Amino acid sequence: MNFAKLKLQNASPAAVQAATILSAVEVGLGSLLHAFHVPLAGQCLSINQAFLLSRAVSKNRGERSARTMPSSVSNIAAILKSLSPAGKKLTPMLAISAQGFLMSLGTLLFGANVLGCAVGSVLLGFWAFLQPIAFYYLLFGEVLVQAGQYYLGEQNLALAVVAAFTVKSLACLAAAIGAFALPRTIVLRYEQRMIEAGEKLRERVSTPEARSFRRNVVLSFRDLLNPIFLVSIAMTCFFFYFAQKDSAQAIWAALRPVALGFLGFLLARTLPLDRLLPKLSR
């Protein structure tokens, strides 16, 4: 907690305010996406971050620190995430911080304006693809790529990746432009509703039962039921069973990512980052 207070004291008031809003809105939006079982929730959260960071830049574009505002706001929001009583911490903190840094590249190159935020938002959206791909590659290895090529073909797999990134880039561009163009009342209404949803979630996770290790174990098992994770396992198993004619490899292809995935999900929920960060910063 002292580490977080020190970082907040060294930050500008505008960055702290924007980071607080980003953290609160992300909690509320995340709870709604989870409640309605919206797929690709991480992509939606990254678009939300692009919108709120662009909004922070637009509000402070006359300041000298406006060009580095996305990185400053995101780093503070990541620190605030480490203080949350429950839920995943490690992977969201990495995503929030890295995406803010990438968006700052756009504002540093093109200025604290619509163009800078638009370019930065596209770069931000790239990380939202890169991080889960790296995580799933760590779990499944090269076989995940081989399975994708087997089902789609090498050319179609590349086209699918390009199409997905194009759609996401357009969404991030719209978020950046909307942050500058939308009336203040609409933005405030959106922020307020998301913050209210987040406050309801915090009430549920603030109990000792919600923060217990046993609860985190149960939630980590539930993370294994993520549709993308299940589809990835099914693809690799069918690939070995039908393409490689090897049932033993198919079983191993399922057990290995399940074990590593559970440990990764559990680590993301239980790692005491609020106590580790002060030691790592020394």
Protein backbone atom coordinates (compact mmCIF):
# COMPACT_ATOMS: atom_id res chain seq x y z
CA MET A 1 0.00 0.00 0.00
CA ASN A 2 2.89 2.39 0.79
CA PHE A 3 4.37 1.64 -2.64
CA ALA A 4 1.09 2.56 -4.31
CA LYS A 5 0.80 5.77 -2.29
CA LEU A 6 4.34 6.77 -3.25
CA LYS A 7 3.65 6.24 -6.95
CA LEU A 8 0.44 8.22 -6.73
CA GLN A 9 2.15 11.09 -4.94
CA ASN A 10 4.75 11.35 -7.72
CA ALA A 11 2.12 11.38 -10.48
CA SER A 12 0.26 14.40 -11.78
CA PRO A 13 -3.28 14.96 -10.43
CA ALA A 14 -4.71 14.64 -13.95
CA ALA A 15 -3.04 11.25 -14.46
CA VAL A 16 -4.23 9.99 -11.08
CA GLN A 17 -7.80 11.09 -11.80
CA ALA A 18 -7.79 9.48 -15.25
CA ALA A 19 -6.26 6.26 -13.86
CA THR A 20 -8.88 6.06 -11.12
CA ILE A 21 -11.64 6.42 -13.70
CA LEU A 22 -9.99 3.82 -15.97
CA SER A 23 -9.67 1.32 -13.11
CA ALA A 24 -13.25 1.81 -11.92
CA VAL A 25 -14.78 1.70 -15.39
CA GLU A 26 -12.79 -1.42 -16.32
CA VAL A 27 -14.07 -3.25 -13.24
CA GLY A 28 -17.66 -2.35 -14.09
CA LEU A 29 -17.37 -3.16 -17.78
CA GLY A 30 -15.56 -6.40 -17.02
CA SER A 31 -18.30 -7.49 -14.63
CA LEU A 32 -20.98 -6.81 -17.25
CA LEU A 33 -19.08 -8.68 -19.97
CA HIS A 34 -18.63 -11.61 -17.61
CA ALA A 35 -22.27 -11.58 -16.51
CA PHE A 36 -23.51 -11.72 -20.11
CA HIS A 37 -20.80 -14.22 -21.17
CA VAL A 38 -19.56 -11.93 -23.92
CA PRO A 39 -16.77 -13.63 -25.91
CA LEU A 40 -13.43 -11.88 -26.40
CA ALA A 41 -13.97 -9.72 -23.33
CA GLY A 42 -10.28 -8.78 -23.29
CA GLN A 43 -10.62 -7.19 -26.72
CA CYS A 44 -13.59 -5.14 -25.49
CA LEU A 45 -11.61 -3.98 -22.45
CA SER A 46 -8.71 -2.87 -24.62
CA ILE A 47 -11.08 -0.79 -26.79
CA ASN A 48 -12.44 0.75 -23.58
CA GLN A 49 -8.88 1.58 -22.51
CA ALA A 50 -8.17 3.19 -25.88
CA PHE A 51 -11.30 5.32 -25.49
CA LEU A 52 -10.57 6.48 -21.93
CA LEU A 53 -6.88 7.14 -22.62
CA SER A 54 -7.81 9.18 -25.69
CA ARG A 55 -10.29 11.06 -23.55
CA ALA A 56 -7.59 11.81 -20.98
CA VAL A 57 -5.28 13.11 -23.71
CA SER A 58 -8.03 15.31 -25.18
CA LYS A 59 -8.76 16.84 -21.77
CA ASN A 60 -5.08 17.61 -21.09
CA ARG A 61 -3.65 18.25 -24.56
CA GLY A 62 -2.51 21.69 -23.55
CA GLU A 63 -0.23 20.25 -20.87
CA ARG A 64 3.41 19.27 -21.46
CA SER A 65 2.75 15.78 -20.10
CA ALA A 66 -0.11 15.07 -22.52
CA ARG A 67 2.06 13.07 -24.92
CA THR A 68 3.05 10.60 -22.19
CA MET A 69 -0.37 10.67 -20.53
CA PRO A 70 -1.47 7.20 -21.81
CA SER A 71 1.58 5.49 -20.31
CA SER A 72 1.36 7.38 -17.01
CA VAL A 73 -2.35 6.71 -16.60
CA SER A 74 -1.99 3.03 -17.49
CA ASN A 75 0.92 2.44 -15.11
CA ILE A 76 -1.07 3.95 -12.23
CA ALA A 77 -4.13 1.89 -13.19
CA ALA A 78 -1.97 -1.25 -13.22
CA ILE A 79 -0.73 -0.45 -9.71
CA LEU A 80 -4.30 0.09 -8.55
CA LYS A 81 -5.18 -3.30 -10.06
CA SER A 82 -2.58 -4.94 -7.81
CA LEU A 83 -4.55 -3.68 -4.78
CA SER A 84 -7.83 -5.28 -5.84
CA PRO A 85 -9.14 -7.76 -3.24
CA ALA A 86 -9.98 -10.55 -5.70
CA GLY A 87 -9.83 -11.57 -9.34
CA LYS A 88 -6.96 -11.87 -11.79
CA LYS A 89 -4.14 -9.40 -11.28
CA LEU A 90 -0.99 -10.44 -13.16
CA THR A 91 -2.26 -10.67 -16.74
CA PRO A 92 -4.55 -7.59 -16.53
CA MET A 93 -1.72 -5.53 -15.03
CA LEU A 94 0.60 -6.55 -17.85
CA ALA A 95 -2.04 -5.77 -20.48
CA ILE A 96 -2.97 -2.38 -19.01
CA SER A 97 0.65 -1.25 -18.67
CA ALA A 98 1.84 -2.53 -22.07
CA GLN A 99 -1.16 -1.10 -23.91
CA GLY A 100 -0.64 2.29 -22.32
CA PHE A 101 3.01 2.28 -23.37
CA LEU A 102 2.13 1.40 -26.97
CA MET A 103 -0.49 4.13 -27.11
CA SER A 104 2.06 6.64 -25.87
CA LEU A 105 4.20 5.79 -28.89
CA GLY A 106 1.44 7.21 -31.07
CA THR A 107 1.09 10.42 -29.10
CA LEU A 108 4.86 10.87 -28.87
CA LEU A 109 5.25 10.48 -32.64
CA PHE A 110 2.21 12.42 -33.83
CA GLY A 111 1.29 14.62 -30.88
CA ALA A 112 -1.46 14.80 -28.26
CA ASN A 113 -4.22 15.00 -30.84
CA VAL A 114 -6.68 12.81 -32.71
CA LEU A 115 -4.02 11.44 -35.07
CA GLY A 116 -1.63 10.54 -32.26
CA CYS A 117 -4.38 8.83 -30.28
CA ALA A 118 -5.67 7.03 -33.38
CA VAL A 119 -2.24 5.59 -34.21
CA GLY A 120 -1.62 4.78 -30.56
CA SER A 121 -4.98 3.05 -30.27
CA VAL A 122 -4.13 0.76 -33.20
CA LEU A 123 -0.83 -0.14 -31.53
CA LEU A 124 -2.70 -0.68 -28.26
CA GLY A 125 -5.10 -3.05 -29.99
CA PHE A 126 -2.16 -5.08 -31.33
CA TRP A 127 -1.10 -5.99 -27.79
CA ALA A 128 -4.59 -7.28 -26.99
CA PHE A 129 -3.95 -9.92 -29.68
CA LEU A 130 -0.29 -10.52 -28.91
CA GLN A 131 -0.62 -11.26 -25.19
CA PRO A 132 -3.25 -14.06 -25.42
CA ILE A 133 -1.48 -15.55 -28.46
CA ALA A 134 1.77 -15.66 -26.50
CA PHE A 135 -0.03 -17.22 -23.52
CA TYR A 136 -1.71 -19.91 -25.63
CA TYR A 137 1.52 -20.60 -27.50
CA LEU A 138 3.20 -21.14 -24.13
CA LEU A 139 0.48 -23.66 -23.21
CA PHE A 140 0.15 -25.52 -26.50
CA GLY A 141 3.45 -24.93 -28.27
CA GLU A 142 3.99 -25.18 -32.01
CA VAL A 143 1.17 -27.73 -32.34
CA LEU A 144 -1.43 -24.94 -32.02
CA VAL A 145 -0.10 -23.30 -35.19
CA GLN A 146 0.07 -26.66 -36.95
CA ALA A 147 -3.52 -27.42 -35.99
CA GLY A 148 -4.67 -24.03 -37.26
CA GLN A 149 -2.92 -24.60 -40.58
CA TYR A 150 -4.43 -28.09 -40.80
CA TYR A 151 -8.01 -26.81 -40.39
CA LEU A 152 -7.77 -23.51 -42.27
CA GLY A 153 -4.74 -23.87 -44.46
CA GLU A 154 -1.69 -21.64 -44.16
CA GLN A 155 -3.08 -18.90 -46.41
CA ASN A 156 -6.54 -18.88 -44.82
CA LEU A 157 -5.01 -18.79 -41.34
CA ALA A 158 -3.00 -15.70 -42.29
CA LEU A 159 -6.10 -14.09 -43.81
CA ALA A 160 -8.11 -14.81 -40.65
CA VAL A 161 -5.43 -13.14 -38.50
CA VAL A 162 -5.28 -10.10 -40.79
CA ALA A 163 -9.07 -9.81 -40.86
CA ALA A 164 -9.35 -10.01 -37.08
CA PHE A 165 -6.66 -7.38 -36.58
CA THR A 166 -8.27 -5.11 -39.20
CA VAL A 167 -11.65 -5.23 -37.47
CA LYS A 168 -10.02 -4.56 -34.10
CA SER A 169 -8.00 -1.66 -35.52
CA LEU A 170 -11.15 -0.04 -36.90
CA ALA A 171 -12.83 -0.40 -33.50
CA CYS A 172 -9.84 1.22 -31.77
CA LEU A 173 -9.82 4.04 -34.33
CA ALA A 174 -13.51 4.65 -33.67
CA ALA A 175 -12.83 4.70 -29.92
CA ALA A 176 -10.06 7.29 -30.29
CA ILE A 177 -12.11 9.53 -32.58
CA GLY A 178 -15.19 9.15 -30.38
CA ALA A 179 -13.21 10.22 -27.32
CA PHE A 180 -12.52 13.57 -28.99
CA ALA A 181 -15.91 13.96 -30.69
CA LEU A 182 -18.50 12.73 -28.18
CA PRO A 183 -20.17 15.27 -25.89
CA ARG A 184 -18.95 15.40 -22.32
CA THR A 185 -22.39 14.42 -20.96
CA ILE A 186 -22.44 11.12 -22.87
CA VAL A 187 -18.95 10.19 -21.70
CA LEU A 188 -19.77 11.05 -18.09
CA ARG A 189 -22.96 8.98 -18.25
CA TYR A 190 -21.02 5.99 -19.57
CA GLU A 191 -18.34 6.32 -16.90
CA GLN A 192 -20.93 6.65 -14.13
CA ARG A 193 -22.87 3.56 -15.17
CA MET A 194 -19.72 1.45 -15.42
CA ILE A 195 -18.48 2.70 -12.06
CA GLU A 196 -21.81 1.82 -10.43
CA ALA A 197 -21.60 -1.69 -11.89
CA GLY A 198 -18.05 -1.99 -10.56
CA GLU A 199 -19.09 -0.92 -7.07
CA LYS A 200 -21.67 -3.71 -6.97
CA LEU A 201 -18.98 -6.20 -7.94
CA ARG A 202 -16.60 -4.91 -5.28
CA GLU A 203 -19.26 -5.49 -2.63
CA ARG A 204 -19.45 -9.15 -3.64
CA VAL A 205 -15.70 -9.77 -3.76
CA SER A 206 -14.81 -7.91 -0.56
CA THR A 207 -15.93 -10.78 1.68
CA PRO A 208 -13.29 -13.18 3.13
CA GLU A 209 -14.93 -16.10 1.28
CA ALA A 210 -14.47 -14.39 -2.09
CA ARG A 211 -10.78 -13.78 -1.37
CA SER A 212 -9.96 -17.25 -0.02
CA PHE A 213 -7.45 -19.55 -1.71
CA ARG A 214 -10.12 -22.21 -2.08
CA ARG A 215 -12.31 -19.77 -3.99
CA ASN A 216 -9.40 -18.87 -6.28
CA VAL A 217 -8.82 -22.56 -7.00
CA VAL A 218 -12.48 -22.97 -7.98
CA LEU A 219 -12.35 -19.89 -10.22
CA SER A 220 -9.12 -21.10 -11.83
CA PHE A 221 -10.84 -24.37 -12.76
CA ARG A 222 -13.71 -22.30 -14.14
CA ASP A 223 -11.23 -20.34 -16.27
CA LEU A 224 -10.46 -23.61 -18.05
CA LEU A 225 -14.02 -23.54 -19.40
CA ASN A 226 -13.26 -20.42 -21.42
CA PRO A 227 -14.65 -21.12 -24.93
CA ILE A 228 -11.40 -20.15 -26.67
CA PHE A 229 -9.42 -22.43 -24.36
CA LEU A 230 -11.80 -25.34 -24.94
CA VAL A 231 -11.79 -24.83 -28.72
CA SER A 232 -7.97 -24.75 -28.71
CA ILE A 233 -7.83 -28.06 -26.82
CA ALA A 234 -10.39 -29.65 -29.14
CA MET A 235 -8.50 -28.48 -32.24
CA THR A 236 -5.18 -29.91 -31.05
CA CYS A 237 -6.72 -33.21 -29.94
CA PHE A 238 -8.56 -33.72 -33.23
CA PHE A 239 -5.41 -32.73 -35.10
CA PHE A 240 -3.36 -35.47 -33.45
CA TYR A 241 -6.13 -38.05 -33.59
CA PHE A 242 -7.16 -37.58 -37.23
CA ALA A 243 -4.11 -36.02 -38.89
CA GLN A 244 -1.31 -37.68 -36.95
CA LYS A 245 -3.17 -40.90 -36.10
CA ASP A 246 -1.74 -40.80 -32.60
CA SER A 247 -4.20 -41.12 -29.71
CA ALA A 248 -1.44 -40.97 -27.07
CA GLN A 249 -0.28 -37.62 -28.40
CA ALA A 250 -3.89 -36.43 -28.44
CA ILE A 251 -4.24 -37.23 -24.74
CA TRP A 252 -0.96 -35.48 -23.96
CA ALA A 253 -2.01 -32.52 -26.10
CA ALA A 254 -5.05 -32.12 -23.82
CA LEU A 255 -3.45 -32.78 -20.43
CA ARG A 256 -0.41 -30.51 -20.85
CA PRO A 257 -2.26 -27.24 -21.58
CA VAL A 258 -4.92 -28.03 -18.96
CA ALA A 259 -2.27 -28.44 -16.25
CA LEU A 260 -0.25 -25.41 -17.34
CA GLY A 261 -3.39 -23.36 -17.87
CA PHE A 262 -4.71 -24.08 -14.39
CA LEU A 263 -1.38 -23.15 -12.81
CA GLY A 264 -1.23 -19.96 -14.88
CA PHE A 265 -4.79 -18.95 -14.01
CA LEU A 266 -4.19 -19.68 -10.32
CA LEU A 267 -0.95 -17.70 -10.31
CA ALA A 268 -2.68 -14.74 -11.95
CA ARG A 269 -5.25 -14.74 -9.14
CA THR A 270 -3.11 -15.46 -6.07
CA LEU A 271 0.27 -13.85 -6.72
CA PRO A 272 0.67 -11.17 -3.98
CA LEU A 273 1.67 -8.37 -6.31
CA ASP A 274 0.81 -5.71 -3.74
CA ARG A 275 3.68 -7.08 -1.62
CA LEU A 276 6.08 -8.02 -4.44
CA LEU A 277 6.04 -4.72 -6.34
CA PRO A 278 7.74 -2.68 -3.59
CA LYS A 279 10.54 -5.28 -3.38
CA LEU A 280 11.03 -5.44 -7.16
CA SER A 281 11.22 -1.65 -7.42
CA ARG A 282 14.14 -1.36 -5.01
